[in-house]
Amino acid sequence: MRKKKIPMRKCVACNENKPKKELIRVVRNTEGVVQVDLTGRVNGRGAYICPDLDCLEQVKKSKRLSKTLEIEVPDEIFDQLYDIIKSREE
């Protein structure tokens, strides 16, 4: 039996390669709307972030998420990411 390949993605904050399912995806679609994609299937340009508050703070401070998605990321997205990370920690 063949072993199933696990897709790896890189966190934009810490630059670590991790399995795709462990990371949170943020997407910018063709209309320029930024949203959090928990399914990993929404069309558009995506960026991945670790479910870690340190990575979230680093991305927010350096605006690396905005640079990767090539659009200004609203504060509501960071609030949503914070809530998701907090719920995963519990």
C-alpha atoms as a PDB file:
ATOM      1  CA  MET A   1       0.000   0.000   0.000  1.00  0.00           C
ATOM      2  CA  ARG A   2       1.277   3.470  -0.954  1.00  0.00           C
ATOM      3  CA  LYS A   3       1.858   6.089   1.679  1.00  0.00           C
ATOM      4  CA  LYS A   4      -0.269   9.203   1.188  1.00  0.00           C
ATOM      5  CA  LYS A   5       1.691  12.392   0.457  1.00  0.00           C
ATOM      6  CA  ILE A   6       1.187  15.169   3.016  1.00  0.00           C
ATOM      7  CA  PRO A   7       1.194  18.668   1.458  1.00  0.00           C
ATOM      8  CA  MET A   8       3.598  21.040   3.194  1.00  0.00           C
ATOM      9  CA  ARG A   9       3.196  24.829   3.393  1.00  0.00           C
ATOM     10  CA  LYS A  10       5.376  27.605   4.800  1.00  0.00           C
ATOM     11  CA  CYS A  11       4.246  29.959   7.556  1.00  0.00           C
ATOM     12  CA  VAL A  12       4.686  33.607   6.487  1.00  0.00           C
ATOM     13  CA  ALA A  13       5.803  34.572  10.004  1.00  0.00           C
ATOM     14  CA  CYS A  14       8.371  31.968  11.070  1.00  0.00           C
ATOM     15  CA  ASN A  15       9.175  30.480   7.619  1.00  0.00           C
ATOM     16  CA  GLU A  16       8.787  26.918   8.922  1.00  0.00           C
ATOM     17  CA  ASN A  17       7.423  24.207   6.646  1.00  0.00           C
ATOM     18  CA  LYS A  18       4.514  22.410   8.298  1.00  0.00           C
ATOM     19  CA  PRO A  19       1.689  20.144   7.121  1.00  0.00           C
ATOM     20  CA  LYS A  20      -1.074  22.151   5.440  1.00  0.00           C
ATOM     21  CA  LYS A  21      -3.733  20.945   7.906  1.00  0.00           C
ATOM     22  CA  GLU A  22      -1.820  22.406  10.876  1.00  0.00           C
ATOM     23  CA  LEU A  23      -1.753  25.935   9.431  1.00  0.00           C
ATOM     24  CA  ILE A  24      -4.440  28.606   9.022  1.00  0.00           C
ATOM     25  CA  ARG A  25      -4.983  29.968   5.500  1.00  0.00           C
ATOM     26  CA  VAL A  26      -5.823  33.584   4.708  1.00  0.00           C
ATOM     27  CA  VAL A  27      -7.079  34.232   1.164  1.00  0.00           C
ATOM     28  CA  ARG A  28      -7.439  37.220  -1.149  1.00  0.00           C
ATOM     29  CA  ASN A  29      -9.949  36.445  -3.907  1.00  0.00           C
ATOM     30  CA  THR A  30     -10.227  38.045  -7.355  1.00  0.00           C
ATOM     31  CA  GLU A  31     -12.527  40.810  -6.049  1.00  0.00           C
ATOM     32  CA  GLY A  32      -9.887  41.836  -3.504  1.00  0.00           C
ATOM     33  CA  VAL A  33     -11.761  40.499  -0.471  1.00  0.00           C
ATOM     34  CA  VAL A  34      -9.563  39.048   2.274  1.00  0.00           C
ATOM     35  CA  GLN A  35     -10.977  36.210   4.369  1.00  0.00           C
ATOM     36  CA  VAL A  36      -9.872  33.378   6.640  1.00  0.00           C
ATOM     37  CA  ASP A  37     -10.167  30.000   4.915  1.00  0.00           C
ATOM     38  CA  LEU A  38     -10.428  27.101   7.355  1.00  0.00           C
ATOM     39  CA  THR A  39     -11.315  24.588   4.617  1.00  0.00           C
ATOM     40  CA  GLY A  40      -8.274  25.275   2.427  1.00  0.00           C
ATOM     41  CA  ARG A  41     -10.415  25.255  -0.723  1.00  0.00           C
ATOM     42  CA  VAL A  42     -11.400  28.887  -1.351  1.00  0.00           C
ATOM     43  CA  ASN A  43     -10.147  30.241  -4.687  1.00  0.00           C
ATOM     44  CA  GLY A  44      -7.572  33.008  -4.592  1.00  0.00           C
ATOM     45  CA  ARG A  45      -4.091  33.872  -3.456  1.00  0.00           C
ATOM     46  CA  GLY A  46      -3.382  32.266  -0.104  1.00  0.00           C
ATOM     47  CA  ALA A  47      -0.953  32.753   2.742  1.00  0.00           C
ATOM     48  CA  TYR A  48      -0.465  30.419   5.681  1.00  0.00           C
ATOM     49  CA  ILE A  49       0.177  31.196   9.339  1.00  0.00           C
ATOM     50  CA  CYS A  50       0.921  28.942  12.310  1.00  0.00           C
ATOM     51  CA  PRO A  51      -1.800  28.706  14.975  1.00  0.00           C
ATOM     52  CA  ASP A  52       0.539  30.506  17.373  1.00  0.00           C
ATOM     53  CA  LEU A  53       0.086  33.941  18.968  1.00  0.00           C
ATOM     54  CA  ASP A  54       3.782  34.777  18.497  1.00  0.00           C
ATOM     55  CA  CYS A  55       3.492  34.213  14.743  1.00  0.00           C
ATOM     56  CA  LEU A  56       0.302  36.284  14.625  1.00  0.00           C
ATOM     57  CA  GLU A  57       1.942  39.203  16.444  1.00  0.00           C
ATOM     58  CA  GLN A  58       5.006  38.999  14.191  1.00  0.00           C
ATOM     59  CA  VAL A  59       2.867  39.040  11.029  1.00  0.00           C
ATOM     60  CA  LYS A  60       0.764  41.933  12.288  1.00  0.00           C
ATOM     61  CA  LYS A  61       3.778  44.019  13.274  1.00  0.00           C
ATOM     62  CA  SER A  62       5.819  43.392  10.113  1.00  0.00           C
ATOM     63  CA  LYS A  63       2.783  43.562   7.751  1.00  0.00           C
ATOM     64  CA  ARG A  64       4.138  40.454   6.049  1.00  0.00           C
ATOM     65  CA  LEU A  65       0.627  39.112   5.458  1.00  0.00           C
ATOM     66  CA  SER A  66      -0.289  42.273   3.548  1.00  0.00           C
ATOM     67  CA  LYS A  67       2.864  41.993   1.439  1.00  0.00           C
ATOM     68  CA  THR A  68       2.225  38.328   0.648  1.00  0.00           C
ATOM     69  CA  LEU A  69      -1.420  38.874  -0.320  1.00  0.00           C
ATOM     70  CA  GLU A  70      -0.562  42.129  -2.134  1.00  0.00           C
ATOM     71  CA  ILE A  71      -3.418  43.992  -0.428  1.00  0.00           C
ATOM     72  CA  GLU A  72      -3.954  45.726   2.928  1.00  0.00           C
ATOM     73  CA  VAL A  73      -5.316  43.206   5.431  1.00  0.00           C
ATOM     74  CA  PRO A  74      -8.073  44.686   7.649  1.00  0.00           C
ATOM     75  CA  ASP A  75      -7.889  44.472  11.445  1.00  0.00           C
ATOM     76  CA  GLU A  76     -11.030  42.295  11.486  1.00  0.00           C
ATOM     77  CA  ILE A  77      -9.007  39.487   9.888  1.00  0.00           C
ATOM     78  CA  PHE A  78      -6.399  39.700  12.650  1.00  0.00           C
ATOM     79  CA  ASP A  79      -9.189  39.649  15.259  1.00  0.00           C
ATOM     80  CA  GLN A  80     -10.687  36.586  13.582  1.00  0.00           C
ATOM     81  CA  LEU A  81      -7.271  34.874  13.492  1.00  0.00           C
ATOM     82  CA  TYR A  82      -6.776  35.679  17.184  1.00  0.00           C
ATOM     83  CA  ASP A  83     -10.125  34.070  18.055  1.00  0.00           C
ATOM     84  CA  ILE A  84      -9.307  30.966  15.982  1.00  0.00           C
ATOM     85  CA  ILE A  85      -5.890  30.556  17.613  1.00  0.00           C
ATOM     86  CA  LYS A  86      -7.349  31.031  21.101  1.00  0.00           C
ATOM     87  CA  SER A  87     -10.030  28.406  20.452  1.00  0.00           C
ATOM     88  CA  ARG A  88      -7.423  25.918  19.149  1.00  0.00           C
ATOM     89  CA  GLU A  89      -5.288  26.363  22.261  1.00  0.00           C
ATOM     90  CA  GLU A  90      -8.146  25.377  24.575  1.00  0.00           C
END
